Amino acid sequence: FSARRVEAFEPLCQSIALQLVLDLGRADTVELMAAWALPFAVQVQCAFLGWPAALHAPLAQWTHQNHQATLAQDRGALTALALQFEAMVADVLQQRRDNAVPPGHDVTASLLHESVQGRPLSVAEIASILRNWTVGEIGTIAAAVGILAGWLAEHPDTQALLRSNVSLQPEAIDEILRLQGPLATNRRTTTCPVVLGGRRIEEGERVTVHWAVANRDARVFDAPETFRLGRNPADNLLYGAGIHVCPGAPLARMELRVALRALLDATENWACVSDQPFTVAQYPASGYAAVPLRLRWA
């Protein structure tokens, strides 16, 4: 996730976004999650990993099945899906070996040549790293794109502002996602006794952190429920903090900036479809399952 690697990847990310805009075919109405947000998330993930386009559909299907198994708390299905993902990774790694791909070629090749305590990473270890990253990356990027597009449909004045002031788009993305983040909660284990909200939590207890609540803390944010540019970016916990900060934040910020810019540049405006409300995603997912939009093309 170095600045150099993210910068080098940006042109390819832009080309993916632009092609997906063309694929919409200037349709008057679009369900953005299925038609654009999820394909964008899957394709940029594959591109960054160095995976072929032939894996776009299988990876999208695997992501959907993994999400459904998570909702159902089906441990058997999750185990089977983990093995399925490992087999997918094993095939990709074998292709790297067969073609003698150098470590700097892409992320997957770099992991293949990585070592820990003097030994190479096993296929299972590489698959585990990539699985955890892929589950988080695809789901959160797709959710974030849907949240951004939906929020701007409901706030046309801000949409117009961002169209006329491109430099404000990165800050606006973080502020919109402060109000409605793509990750609803996360789990932590306490390392010492603590009192929160008048309740004592002992060392070693499992707790669930609600990011939406933390990012609307009135002790930190003035008028926390209000979209406002010019806030201190260090206060925003969108990408976590401390040892739990998201290592992929630079990549995610670039991808979201590219996605929003592509959608804004291709259109004059977009709006909600009056008889088709947004469908909220089922917890533990955040954002929307469906974002119907009416588009006016540029």
C-alpha atoms as a PDB file:
ATOM      1  CA  PHE A   1       0.000   0.000   0.000  1.00  0.00           C
ATOM      2  CA  SER A   2       2.956   2.316  -0.493  1.00  0.00           C
ATOM      3  CA  ALA A   3       2.284   5.717  -2.038  1.00  0.00           C
ATOM      4  CA  ARG A   4       4.332   4.696  -5.082  1.00  0.00           C
ATOM      5  CA  ARG A   5       2.341   1.497  -5.669  1.00  0.00           C
ATOM      6  CA  VAL A   6      -1.020   3.258  -5.200  1.00  0.00           C
ATOM      7  CA  GLU A   7       0.019   6.079  -7.542  1.00  0.00           C
ATOM      8  CA  ALA A   8       1.178   3.600 -10.166  1.00  0.00           C
ATOM      9  CA  PHE A   9      -2.139   1.741  -9.944  1.00  0.00           C
ATOM     10  CA  GLU A  10      -4.343   4.839 -10.310  1.00  0.00           C
ATOM     11  CA  PRO A  11      -4.387   4.975 -14.158  1.00  0.00           C
ATOM     12  CA  LEU A  12      -5.601   1.363 -14.334  1.00  0.00           C
ATOM     13  CA  CYS A  13      -8.215   2.106 -11.676  1.00  0.00           C
ATOM     14  CA  GLN A  14      -9.389   5.072 -13.762  1.00  0.00           C
ATOM     15  CA  SER A  15      -9.676   2.958 -16.901  1.00  0.00           C
ATOM     16  CA  ILE A  16     -11.776   0.383 -15.024  1.00  0.00           C
ATOM     17  CA  ALA A  17     -14.096   3.104 -13.732  1.00  0.00           C
ATOM     18  CA  LEU A  18     -14.475   4.703 -17.170  1.00  0.00           C
ATOM     19  CA  GLN A  19     -15.213   1.378 -18.879  1.00  0.00           C
ATOM     20  CA  LEU A  20     -17.883   0.575 -16.291  1.00  0.00           C
ATOM     21  CA  VAL A  21     -19.462   3.974 -16.946  1.00  0.00           C
ATOM     22  CA  LEU A  22     -19.558   3.136 -20.660  1.00  0.00           C
ATOM     23  CA  ASP A  23     -21.075  -0.251 -19.829  1.00  0.00           C
ATOM     24  CA  LEU A  24     -24.078   1.522 -18.291  1.00  0.00           C
ATOM     25  CA  GLY A  25     -25.053   2.446 -21.851  1.00  0.00           C
ATOM     26  CA  ARG A  26     -26.445   5.874 -20.892  1.00  0.00           C
ATOM     27  CA  ALA A  27     -29.466   4.221 -19.304  1.00  0.00           C
ATOM     28  CA  ASP A  28     -31.990   6.609 -17.751  1.00  0.00           C
ATOM     29  CA  THR A  29     -32.255   4.588 -14.544  1.00  0.00           C
ATOM     30  CA  VAL A  30     -29.654   2.349 -12.951  1.00  0.00           C
ATOM     31  CA  GLU A  31     -29.511   0.168  -9.850  1.00  0.00           C
ATOM     32  CA  LEU A  32     -26.035   1.295  -8.954  1.00  0.00           C
ATOM     33  CA  MET A  33     -24.988  -1.476  -6.562  1.00  0.00           C
ATOM     34  CA  ALA A  34     -25.387  -4.322  -9.053  1.00  0.00           C
ATOM     35  CA  ALA A  35     -24.582  -2.361 -12.207  1.00  0.00           C
ATOM     36  CA  TRP A  36     -21.574  -0.371 -11.036  1.00  0.00           C
ATOM     37  CA  ALA A  37     -20.487  -0.415  -7.376  1.00  0.00           C
ATOM     38  CA  LEU A  38     -19.918  -4.159  -6.978  1.00  0.00           C
ATOM     39  CA  PRO A  39     -18.314  -4.651 -10.424  1.00  0.00           C
ATOM     40  CA  PHE A  40     -16.003  -1.712  -9.711  1.00  0.00           C
ATOM     41  CA  ALA A  41     -14.974  -3.150  -6.338  1.00  0.00           C
ATOM     42  CA  VAL A  42     -14.358  -6.628  -7.775  1.00  0.00           C
ATOM     43  CA  GLN A  43     -12.459  -5.445 -10.830  1.00  0.00           C
ATOM     44  CA  VAL A  44     -10.147  -3.034  -9.019  1.00  0.00           C
ATOM     45  CA  GLN A  45      -9.398  -5.707  -6.418  1.00  0.00           C
ATOM     46  CA  CYS A  46      -8.488  -8.227  -9.123  1.00  0.00           C
ATOM     47  CA  ALA A  47      -6.407  -5.631 -10.948  1.00  0.00           C
ATOM     48  CA  PHE A  48      -4.460  -4.651  -7.838  1.00  0.00           C
ATOM     49  CA  LEU A  49      -3.802  -8.295  -6.989  1.00  0.00           C
ATOM     50  CA  GLY A  50      -2.784  -8.999 -10.584  1.00  0.00           C
ATOM     51  CA  TRP A  51      -5.597 -11.505 -11.114  1.00  0.00           C
ATOM     52  CA  PRO A  52      -7.067 -12.103 -14.601  1.00  0.00           C
ATOM     53  CA  ALA A  53     -10.443 -10.806 -15.759  1.00  0.00           C
ATOM     54  CA  ALA A  54     -11.626 -14.417 -15.933  1.00  0.00           C
ATOM     55  CA  LEU A  55     -11.852 -14.337 -12.128  1.00  0.00           C
ATOM     56  CA  HIS A  56     -14.214 -11.337 -11.987  1.00  0.00           C
ATOM     57  CA  ALA A  57     -17.407 -13.408 -12.071  1.00  0.00           C
ATOM     58  CA  PRO A  58     -16.169 -16.232  -9.791  1.00  0.00           C
ATOM     59  CA  LEU A  59     -14.889 -13.723  -7.238  1.00  0.00           C
ATOM     60  CA  ALA A  60     -18.155 -11.767  -7.290  1.00  0.00           C
ATOM     61  CA  GLN A  61     -20.091 -15.009  -6.810  1.00  0.00           C
ATOM     62  CA  TRP A  62     -17.769 -16.113  -4.001  1.00  0.00           C
ATOM     63  CA  THR A  63     -18.189 -12.733  -2.277  1.00  0.00           C
ATOM     64  CA  HIS A  64     -21.983 -13.044  -2.439  1.00  0.00           C
ATOM     65  CA  GLN A  65     -21.950 -16.597  -1.080  1.00  0.00           C
ATOM     66  CA  ASN A  66     -19.557 -15.626   1.708  1.00  0.00           C
ATOM     67  CA  HIS A  67     -21.836 -12.735   2.682  1.00  0.00           C
ATOM     68  CA  GLN A  68     -24.892 -14.994   2.758  1.00  0.00           C
ATOM     69  CA  ALA A  69     -23.067 -17.583   4.876  1.00  0.00           C
ATOM     70  CA  THR A  70     -21.978 -14.833   7.269  1.00  0.00           C
ATOM     71  CA  LEU A  71     -25.562 -13.602   7.645  1.00  0.00           C
ATOM     72  CA  ALA A  72     -26.740 -17.157   8.309  1.00  0.00           C
ATOM     73  CA  GLN A  73     -23.810 -17.788  10.694  1.00  0.00           C
ATOM     74  CA  ASP A  74     -23.275 -21.020   8.765  1.00  0.00           C
ATOM     75  CA  ARG A  75     -19.822 -22.134   9.907  1.00  0.00           C
ATOM     76  CA  GLY A  76     -19.868 -25.164   7.632  1.00  0.00           C
ATOM     77  CA  ALA A  77     -20.501 -23.029   4.569  1.00  0.00           C
ATOM     78  CA  LEU A  78     -17.863 -20.497   5.646  1.00  0.00           C
ATOM     79  CA  THR A  79     -15.292 -23.283   6.021  1.00  0.00           C
ATOM     80  CA  ALA A  80     -16.140 -24.662   2.579  1.00  0.00           C
ATOM     81  CA  LEU A  81     -15.911 -21.169   1.070  1.00  0.00           C
ATOM     82  CA  ALA A  82     -12.520 -20.616   2.705  1.00  0.00           C
ATOM     83  CA  LEU A  83     -11.263 -23.813   1.065  1.00  0.00           C
ATOM     84  CA  GLN A  84     -12.772 -22.734  -2.257  1.00  0.00           C
ATOM     85  CA  PHE A  85     -10.941 -19.416  -2.028  1.00  0.00           C
ATOM     86  CA  GLU A  86      -7.698 -21.208  -1.139  1.00  0.00           C
ATOM     87  CA  ALA A  87      -8.046 -23.354  -4.267  1.00  0.00           C
ATOM     88  CA  MET A  88      -8.568 -20.210  -6.350  1.00  0.00           C
ATOM     89  CA  VAL A  89      -5.425 -18.660  -4.854  1.00  0.00           C
ATOM     90  CA  ALA A  90      -3.444 -21.882  -5.371  1.00  0.00           C
ATOM     91  CA  ASP A  91      -4.246 -21.774  -9.098  1.00  0.00           C
ATOM     92  CA  VAL A  92      -3.154 -18.136  -9.348  1.00  0.00           C
ATOM     93  CA  LEU A  93       0.080 -18.861  -7.472  1.00  0.00           C
ATOM     94  CA  GLN A  94       0.862 -21.830  -9.703  1.00  0.00           C
ATOM     95  CA  GLN A  95       0.464 -19.592 -12.756  1.00  0.00           C
ATOM     96  CA  ARG A  96       2.978 -17.196 -11.184  1.00  0.00           C
ATOM     97  CA  ARG A  97       5.438 -20.058 -10.636  1.00  0.00           C
ATOM     98  CA  ASP A  98       4.953 -21.504 -14.130  1.00  0.00           C
ATOM     99  CA  ASN A  99       5.588 -18.104 -15.720  1.00  0.00           C
ATOM    100  CA  ALA A 100       8.425 -17.136 -13.341  1.00  0.00           C
ATOM    101  CA  VAL A 101       6.658 -13.876 -12.467  1.00  0.00           C
ATOM    102  CA  PRO A 102       9.065 -11.603 -10.517  1.00  0.00           C
ATOM    103  CA  PRO A 103       8.050 -10.414  -7.013  1.00  0.00           C
ATOM    104  CA  GLY A 104       7.572  -6.782  -7.994  1.00  0.00           C
ATOM    105  CA  HIS A 105       5.100  -7.592 -10.773  1.00  0.00           C
ATOM    106  CA  ASP A 106       1.977  -7.512  -8.579  1.00  0.00           C
ATOM    107  CA  VAL A 107       0.790  -8.015  -5.010  1.00  0.00           C
ATOM    108  CA  THR A 108       0.172 -11.746  -5.414  1.00  0.00           C
ATOM    109  CA  ALA A 109       3.652 -12.328  -6.813  1.00  0.00           C
ATOM    110  CA  SER A 110       5.132 -10.306  -3.959  1.00  0.00           C
ATOM    111  CA  LEU A 111       3.391 -12.520  -1.398  1.00  0.00           C
ATOM    112  CA  LEU A 112       4.589 -15.623  -3.220  1.00  0.00           C
ATOM    113  CA  HIS A 113       8.187 -14.470  -2.762  1.00  0.00           C
ATOM    114  CA  GLU A 114       7.676 -13.206   0.810  1.00  0.00           C
ATOM    115  CA  SER A 115       9.286 -14.989   3.748  1.00  0.00           C
ATOM    116  CA  VAL A 116       8.640 -15.036   7.497  1.00  0.00           C
ATOM    117  CA  GLN A 117      11.354 -16.105   9.915  1.00  0.00           C
ATOM    118  CA  GLY A 118      13.395 -17.451   7.048  1.00  0.00           C
ATOM    119  CA  ARG A 119      10.684 -19.547   5.391  1.00  0.00           C
ATOM    120  CA  PRO A 120       8.304 -18.767   2.522  1.00  0.00           C
ATOM    121  CA  LEU A 121       4.622 -18.223   3.203  1.00  0.00           C
ATOM    122  CA  SER A 122       2.503 -21.319   2.596  1.00  0.00           C
ATOM    123  CA  VAL A 123      -0.390 -21.348   0.142  1.00  0.00           C
ATOM    124  CA  ALA A 124      -2.798 -21.488   3.093  1.00  0.00           C
ATOM    125  CA  GLU A 125      -1.166 -18.426   4.681  1.00  0.00           C
ATOM    126  CA  ILE A 126      -1.244 -16.423   1.456  1.00  0.00           C
ATOM    127  CA  ALA A 127      -4.864 -17.447   0.900  1.00  0.00           C
ATOM    128  CA  SER A 128      -5.764 -16.366   4.442  1.00  0.00           C
ATOM    129  CA  ILE A 129      -4.138 -12.955   3.933  1.00  0.00           C
ATOM    130  CA  LEU A 130      -5.850 -12.426   0.588  1.00  0.00           C
ATOM    131  CA  ARG A 131      -9.212 -13.748   1.818  1.00  0.00           C
ATOM    132  CA  ASN A 132      -9.342 -11.383   4.792  1.00  0.00           C
ATOM    133  CA  TRP A 133      -8.302  -8.493   2.592  1.00  0.00           C
ATOM    134  CA  THR A 134     -10.694  -9.370  -0.237  1.00  0.00           C
ATOM    135  CA  VAL A 135     -13.717  -9.780   2.047  1.00  0.00           C
ATOM    136  CA  GLY A 136     -13.033  -6.378   3.568  1.00  0.00           C
ATOM    137  CA  GLU A 137     -12.013  -4.593   0.387  1.00  0.00           C
ATOM    138  CA  ILE A 138     -14.804  -5.634  -1.970  1.00  0.00           C
ATOM    139  CA  GLY A 139     -17.599  -5.244   0.561  1.00  0.00           C
ATOM    140  CA  THR A 140     -16.499  -1.882   1.916  1.00  0.00           C
ATOM    141  CA  ILE A 141     -15.579  -0.304  -1.425  1.00  0.00           C
ATOM    142  CA  ALA A 142     -18.886  -1.360  -3.004  1.00  0.00           C
ATOM    143  CA  ALA A 143     -20.814  -0.169   0.059  1.00  0.00           C
ATOM    144  CA  ALA A 144     -18.933   3.143   0.099  1.00  0.00           C
ATOM    145  CA  VAL A 145     -19.652   3.831  -3.584  1.00  0.00           C
ATOM    146  CA  GLY A 146     -23.351   3.142  -2.985  1.00  0.00           C
ATOM    147  CA  ILE A 147     -23.425   5.352   0.111  1.00  0.00           C
ATOM    148  CA  LEU A 148     -21.707   8.231  -1.700  1.00  0.00           C
ATOM    149  CA  ALA A 149     -23.978   8.054  -4.740  1.00  0.00           C
ATOM    150  CA  GLY A 150     -27.096   7.683  -2.612  1.00  0.00           C
ATOM    151  CA  TRP A 151     -26.161  10.538  -0.281  1.00  0.00           C
ATOM    152  CA  LEU A 152     -25.464  12.888  -3.183  1.00  0.00           C
ATOM    153  CA  ALA A 153     -28.781  11.941  -4.793  1.00  0.00           C
ATOM    154  CA  GLU A 154     -30.497  13.027  -1.580  1.00  0.00           C
ATOM    155  CA  HIS A 155     -28.383  16.206  -1.290  1.00  0.00           C
ATOM    156  CA  PRO A 156     -28.372  17.803  -4.768  1.00  0.00           C
ATOM    157  CA  ASP A 157     -26.802  21.056  -3.528  1.00  0.00           C
ATOM    158  CA  THR A 158     -23.727  19.183  -2.317  1.00  0.00           C
ATOM    159  CA  GLN A 159     -23.665  17.185  -5.552  1.00  0.00           C
ATOM    160  CA  ALA A 160     -23.611  20.449  -7.518  1.00  0.00           C
ATOM    161  CA  LEU A 161     -20.868  21.832  -5.260  1.00  0.00           C
ATOM    162  CA  LEU A 162     -18.639  18.814  -5.873  1.00  0.00           C
ATOM    163  CA  ARG A 163     -19.214  18.990  -9.619  1.00  0.00           C
ATOM    164  CA  SER A 164     -18.007  22.591  -9.711  1.00  0.00           C
ATOM    165  CA  ASN A 165     -15.206  22.135  -7.138  1.00  0.00           C
ATOM    166  CA  VAL A 166     -13.304  18.954  -7.923  1.00  0.00           C
ATOM    167  CA  SER A 167     -10.706  19.711  -5.242  1.00  0.00           C
ATOM    168  CA  LEU A 168     -13.380  19.300  -2.549  1.00  0.00           C
ATOM    169  CA  GLN A 169     -14.273  15.752  -3.578  1.00  0.00           C
ATOM    170  CA  PRO A 170     -11.698  13.847  -1.434  1.00  0.00           C
ATOM    171  CA  GLU A 171     -12.652  15.733   1.733  1.00  0.00           C
ATOM    172  CA  ALA A 172     -16.359  15.365   0.975  1.00  0.00           C
ATOM    173  CA  ILE A 173     -15.967  11.603   0.530  1.00  0.00           C
ATOM    174  CA  ASP A 174     -14.501  11.223   4.020  1.00  0.00           C
ATOM    175  CA  GLU A 175     -17.152  13.492   5.554  1.00  0.00           C
ATOM    176  CA  ILE A 176     -20.073  11.663   3.920  1.00  0.00           C
ATOM    177  CA  LEU A 177     -18.619   8.344   5.057  1.00  0.00           C
ATOM    178  CA  ARG A 178     -18.164   9.742   8.564  1.00  0.00           C
ATOM    179  CA  LEU A 179     -21.927  10.194   8.658  1.00  0.00           C
ATOM    180  CA  GLN A 180     -22.674   6.831   7.058  1.00  0.00           C
ATOM    181  CA  GLY A 181     -19.711   4.501   6.974  1.00  0.00           C
ATOM    182  CA  PRO A 182     -19.312   1.342   4.881  1.00  0.00           C
ATOM    183  CA  LEU A 183     -18.309  -0.630   7.982  1.00  0.00           C
ATOM    184  CA  ALA A 184     -20.962  -0.646  10.703  1.00  0.00           C
ATOM    185  CA  THR A 185     -19.110  -2.414  13.493  1.00  0.00           C
ATOM    186  CA  ASN A 186     -16.000  -4.327  14.390  1.00  0.00           C
ATOM    187  CA  ARG A 187     -14.981  -6.625  17.222  1.00  0.00           C
ATOM    188  CA  ARG A 188     -12.287  -6.065  19.787  1.00  0.00           C
ATOM    189  CA  THR A 189     -11.001  -7.805  22.932  1.00  0.00           C
ATOM    190  CA  THR A 190     -10.320  -5.634  25.976  1.00  0.00           C
ATOM    191  CA  THR A 191      -6.729  -5.679  27.253  1.00  0.00           C
ATOM    192  CA  CYS A 192      -7.534  -4.211  30.673  1.00  0.00           C
ATOM    193  CA  PRO A 193     -10.586  -3.377  32.833  1.00  0.00           C
ATOM    194  CA  VAL A 194     -12.369  -0.225  31.692  1.00  0.00           C
ATOM    195  CA  VAL A 195     -15.563   1.698  32.459  1.00  0.00           C
ATOM    196  CA  LEU A 196     -17.485   2.921  29.407  1.00  0.00           C
ATOM    197  CA  GLY A 197     -20.845   4.628  29.624  1.00  0.00           C
ATOM    198  CA  GLY A 198     -21.122   3.718  33.279  1.00  0.00           C
ATOM    199  CA  ARG A 199     -20.576   0.023  32.613  1.00  0.00           C
ATOM    200  CA  ARG A 200     -17.491  -1.892  33.743  1.00  0.00           C
ATOM    201  CA  ILE A 201     -15.911  -4.177  31.161  1.00  0.00           C
ATOM    202  CA  GLU A 202     -13.351  -6.668  32.412  1.00  0.00           C
ATOM    203  CA  GLU A 203     -10.081  -7.638  30.736  1.00  0.00           C
ATOM    204  CA  GLY A 204     -10.458 -10.222  27.987  1.00  0.00           C
ATOM    205  CA  GLU A 205     -14.106  -9.482  27.171  1.00  0.00           C
ATOM    206  CA  ARG A 206     -15.316  -9.345  23.576  1.00  0.00           C
ATOM    207  CA  VAL A 207     -16.843  -6.014  22.625  1.00  0.00           C
ATOM    208  CA  THR A 208     -18.437  -4.635  19.467  1.00  0.00           C
ATOM    209  CA  VAL A 209     -17.325  -1.177  18.363  1.00  0.00           C
ATOM    210  CA  HIS A 210     -19.991   0.861  16.548  1.00  0.00           C
ATOM    211  CA  TRP A 211     -18.116   3.156  14.192  1.00  0.00           C
ATOM    212  CA  ALA A 212     -21.178   5.231  13.318  1.00  0.00           C
ATOM    213  CA  VAL A 213     -21.633   6.160  16.968  1.00  0.00           C
ATOM    214  CA  ALA A 214     -17.941   6.975  17.436  1.00  0.00           C
ATOM    215  CA  ASN A 215     -17.928   9.201  14.355  1.00  0.00           C
ATOM    216  CA  ARG A 216     -20.904  11.185  15.685  1.00  0.00           C
ATOM    217  CA  ASP A 217     -19.444  11.879  19.123  1.00  0.00           C
ATOM    218  CA  ALA A 218     -20.585  15.389  20.080  1.00  0.00           C
ATOM    219  CA  ARG A 219     -17.503  15.760  22.284  1.00  0.00           C
ATOM    220  CA  VAL A 220     -15.362  15.559  19.150  1.00  0.00           C
ATOM    221  CA  PHE A 221     -17.547  16.847  16.317  1.00  0.00           C
ATOM    222  CA  ASP A 222     -19.461  20.107  16.454  1.00  0.00           C
ATOM    223  CA  ALA A 223     -22.975  19.458  15.064  1.00  0.00           C
ATOM    224  CA  PRO A 224     -22.032  15.790  14.539  1.00  0.00           C
ATOM    225  CA  GLU A 225     -25.153  14.941  12.500  1.00  0.00           C
ATOM    226  CA  THR A 226     -24.350  17.663   9.955  1.00  0.00           C
ATOM    227  CA  PHE A 227     -22.283  17.366   6.781  1.00  0.00           C
ATOM    228  CA  ARG A 228     -19.580  19.981   7.105  1.00  0.00           C
ATOM    229  CA  LEU A 229     -16.377  20.476   5.161  1.00  0.00           C
ATOM    230  CA  GLY A 230     -13.338  21.799   6.993  1.00  0.00           C
ATOM    231  CA  ARG A 231     -13.381  19.375   9.918  1.00  0.00           C
ATOM    232  CA  ASN A 232     -10.144  18.000  11.381  1.00  0.00           C
ATOM    233  CA  PRO A 233      -9.482  14.832   9.335  1.00  0.00           C
ATOM    234  CA  ALA A 234      -7.600  13.255  12.255  1.00  0.00           C
ATOM    235  CA  ASP A 235     -10.882  13.047  14.202  1.00  0.00           C
ATOM    236  CA  ASN A 236     -12.557  10.867  11.574  1.00  0.00           C
ATOM    237  CA  LEU A 237     -12.388   7.173  12.525  1.00  0.00           C
ATOM    238  CA  LEU A 238     -13.500   5.962   9.092  1.00  0.00           C
ATOM    239  CA  TYR A 239     -10.247   4.041   8.664  1.00  0.00           C
ATOM    240  CA  GLY A 240      -9.700   3.228  12.334  1.00  0.00           C
ATOM    241  CA  ALA A 241      -6.912   4.494  14.581  1.00  0.00           C
ATOM    242  CA  GLY A 242      -3.708   3.428  16.294  1.00  0.00           C
ATOM    243  CA  ILE A 243      -2.621  -0.172  15.782  1.00  0.00           C
ATOM    244  CA  HIS A 244      -6.039  -0.882  14.237  1.00  0.00           C
ATOM    245  CA  VAL A 245      -5.774   1.730  11.479  1.00  0.00           C
ATOM    246  CA  CYS A 246      -6.609   0.294   8.053  1.00  0.00           C
ATOM    247  CA  PRO A 247      -3.321  -0.333   6.188  1.00  0.00           C
ATOM    248  CA  GLY A 248      -5.197  -0.091   2.886  1.00  0.00           C
ATOM    249  CA  ALA A 249      -6.553   3.411   3.562  1.00  0.00           C
ATOM    250  CA  PRO A 250      -4.407   5.099   0.862  1.00  0.00           C
ATOM    251  CA  LEU A 251      -5.626   2.584  -1.728  1.00  0.00           C
ATOM    252  CA  ALA A 252      -9.264   2.877  -0.636  1.00  0.00           C
ATOM    253  CA  ARG A 253      -9.165   6.685  -0.695  1.00  0.00           C
ATOM    254  CA  MET A 254      -7.744   6.656  -4.213  1.00  0.00           C
ATOM    255  CA  GLU A 255     -10.310   4.123  -5.463  1.00  0.00           C
ATOM    256  CA  LEU A 256     -13.243   6.073  -4.017  1.00  0.00           C
ATOM    257  CA  ARG A 257     -11.924   9.354  -5.395  1.00  0.00           C
ATOM    258  CA  VAL A 258     -11.577   7.791  -8.852  1.00  0.00           C
ATOM    259  CA  ALA A 259     -15.031   6.183  -8.659  1.00  0.00           C
ATOM    260  CA  LEU A 260     -16.822   9.373  -7.652  1.00  0.00           C
ATOM    261  CA  ARG A 261     -14.951  11.481 -10.201  1.00  0.00           C
ATOM    262  CA  ALA A 262     -15.845   9.064 -13.007  1.00  0.00           C
ATOM    263  CA  LEU A 263     -19.544   9.092 -12.116  1.00  0.00           C
ATOM    264  CA  LEU A 264     -19.687  12.872 -11.688  1.00  0.00           C
ATOM    265  CA  ASP A 265     -17.784  13.593 -14.914  1.00  0.00           C
ATOM    266  CA  ALA A 266     -20.044  11.317 -16.967  1.00  0.00           C
ATOM    267  CA  THR A 267     -23.295  12.890 -15.788  1.00  0.00           C
ATOM    268  CA  GLU A 268     -24.938  16.274 -15.349  1.00  0.00           C
ATOM    269  CA  ASN A 269     -26.695  15.006 -12.235  1.00  0.00           C
ATOM    270  CA  TRP A 270     -28.353  12.000 -10.678  1.00  0.00           C
ATOM    271  CA  ALA A 271     -31.373  11.750  -8.422  1.00  0.00           C
ATOM    272  CA  CYS A 272     -33.471   9.281  -6.478  1.00  0.00           C
ATOM    273  CA  VAL A 273     -36.121   7.307  -8.348  1.00  0.00           C
ATOM    274  CA  SER A 274     -39.342   8.456  -6.688  1.00  0.00           C
ATOM    275  CA  ASP A 275     -41.108   5.086  -6.595  1.00  0.00           C
ATOM    276  CA  GLN A 276     -37.982   3.003  -5.848  1.00  0.00           C
ATOM    277  CA  PRO A 277     -36.493   3.779  -2.412  1.00  0.00           C
ATOM    278  CA  PHE A 278     -33.001   2.626  -1.506  1.00  0.00           C
ATOM    279  CA  THR A 279     -32.835  -0.839   0.071  1.00  0.00           C
ATOM    280  CA  VAL A 280     -30.787  -0.859   3.268  1.00  0.00           C
ATOM    281  CA  ALA A 281     -28.211  -3.653   3.555  1.00  0.00           C
ATOM    282  CA  GLN A 282     -28.749  -6.310   6.202  1.00  0.00           C
ATOM    283  CA  TYR A 283     -26.491  -6.121   9.261  1.00  0.00           C
ATOM    284  CA  PRO A 284     -23.568  -6.778   9.672  1.00  0.00           C
ATOM    285  CA  ALA A 285     -23.220  -5.179   6.238  1.00  0.00           C
ATOM    286  CA  SER A 286     -23.624  -1.423   6.000  1.00  0.00           C
ATOM    287  CA  GLY A 287     -24.860   0.913   3.307  1.00  0.00           C
ATOM    288  CA  TYR A 288     -27.396  -0.292   0.760  1.00  0.00           C
ATOM    289  CA  ALA A 289     -28.330  -3.504  -0.986  1.00  0.00           C
ATOM    290  CA  ALA A 290     -29.896  -1.487  -3.829  1.00  0.00           C
ATOM    291  CA  VAL A 291     -29.491   2.148  -4.942  1.00  0.00           C
ATOM    292  CA  PRO A 292     -31.860   2.963  -7.838  1.00  0.00           C
ATOM    293  CA  LEU A 293     -30.847   6.254  -9.483  1.00  0.00           C
ATOM    294  CA  ARG A 294     -32.158   8.404 -12.311  1.00  0.00           C
ATOM    295  CA  LEU A 295     -29.225   9.672 -14.375  1.00  0.00           C
ATOM    296  CA  ARG A 296     -28.928  12.708 -16.619  1.00  0.00           C
ATOM    297  CA  TRP A 297     -25.901  12.101 -18.794  1.00  0.00           C
ATOM    298  CA  ALA A 298     -23.393  14.771 -19.762  1.00  0.00           C
END
